[in-house]
């Protein structure tokens, strides 16, 4: 636990290139897993070698996409829905680029071979998007967990208004978790919102 506290207390000092390389590594794992998923763990030498030879092209395209959408510039411990959308857009863009590269190569004379088959691109898109998003969510949850205070020192708050302003207020109060602030309830005069759960409250 002390290791995690030290890690997350210094998480703002992690260089961007470290996050960039880590993201590329996750994408590489997603690509390799998509190969195994496509060929059911039975890769022949005739396919394995070409598939691995195009890995630098794959990583170059992913790296350009990650850089363009600035995924490595996120403050990971404060990951939001907007960050998730940017991950989605980055992976869509890289998949489209790889598809066009494959199409151009396939239509060259005497090159009737797919560098990146469509099924592999689809599996890779799902896996890489899932890996990049889930790691960020995990880090955010760990940061909240590490920096939360014990229940004995928590002061419960109630917010009047369960609309957009109430949600914004809740999130701002939760950012002060080190001071022992916890939102325990929402009050609202709208009958449609009564007895409902909003962001776990």
Foldseek 3Di string as FASTA:
>chain_A
DVVLLVCLVCLVVDDLVVVLVVLLVQLLVQLVVLVCVVVVVDDDPVPPVLLVVCSVVLSVLLSVLCVVLVLSVDSLLPDDVVSLVSLLVSLVRSLVVLVVVQVVQCPDPPRVDGSQDPSSSVSSSVSSSCVSVVVSVVNNVSSLVSLADDPVQADEDEEEDPDPVRVVVQVVQSVVRNNRYHYDYYHYPDPVCPPDADPND
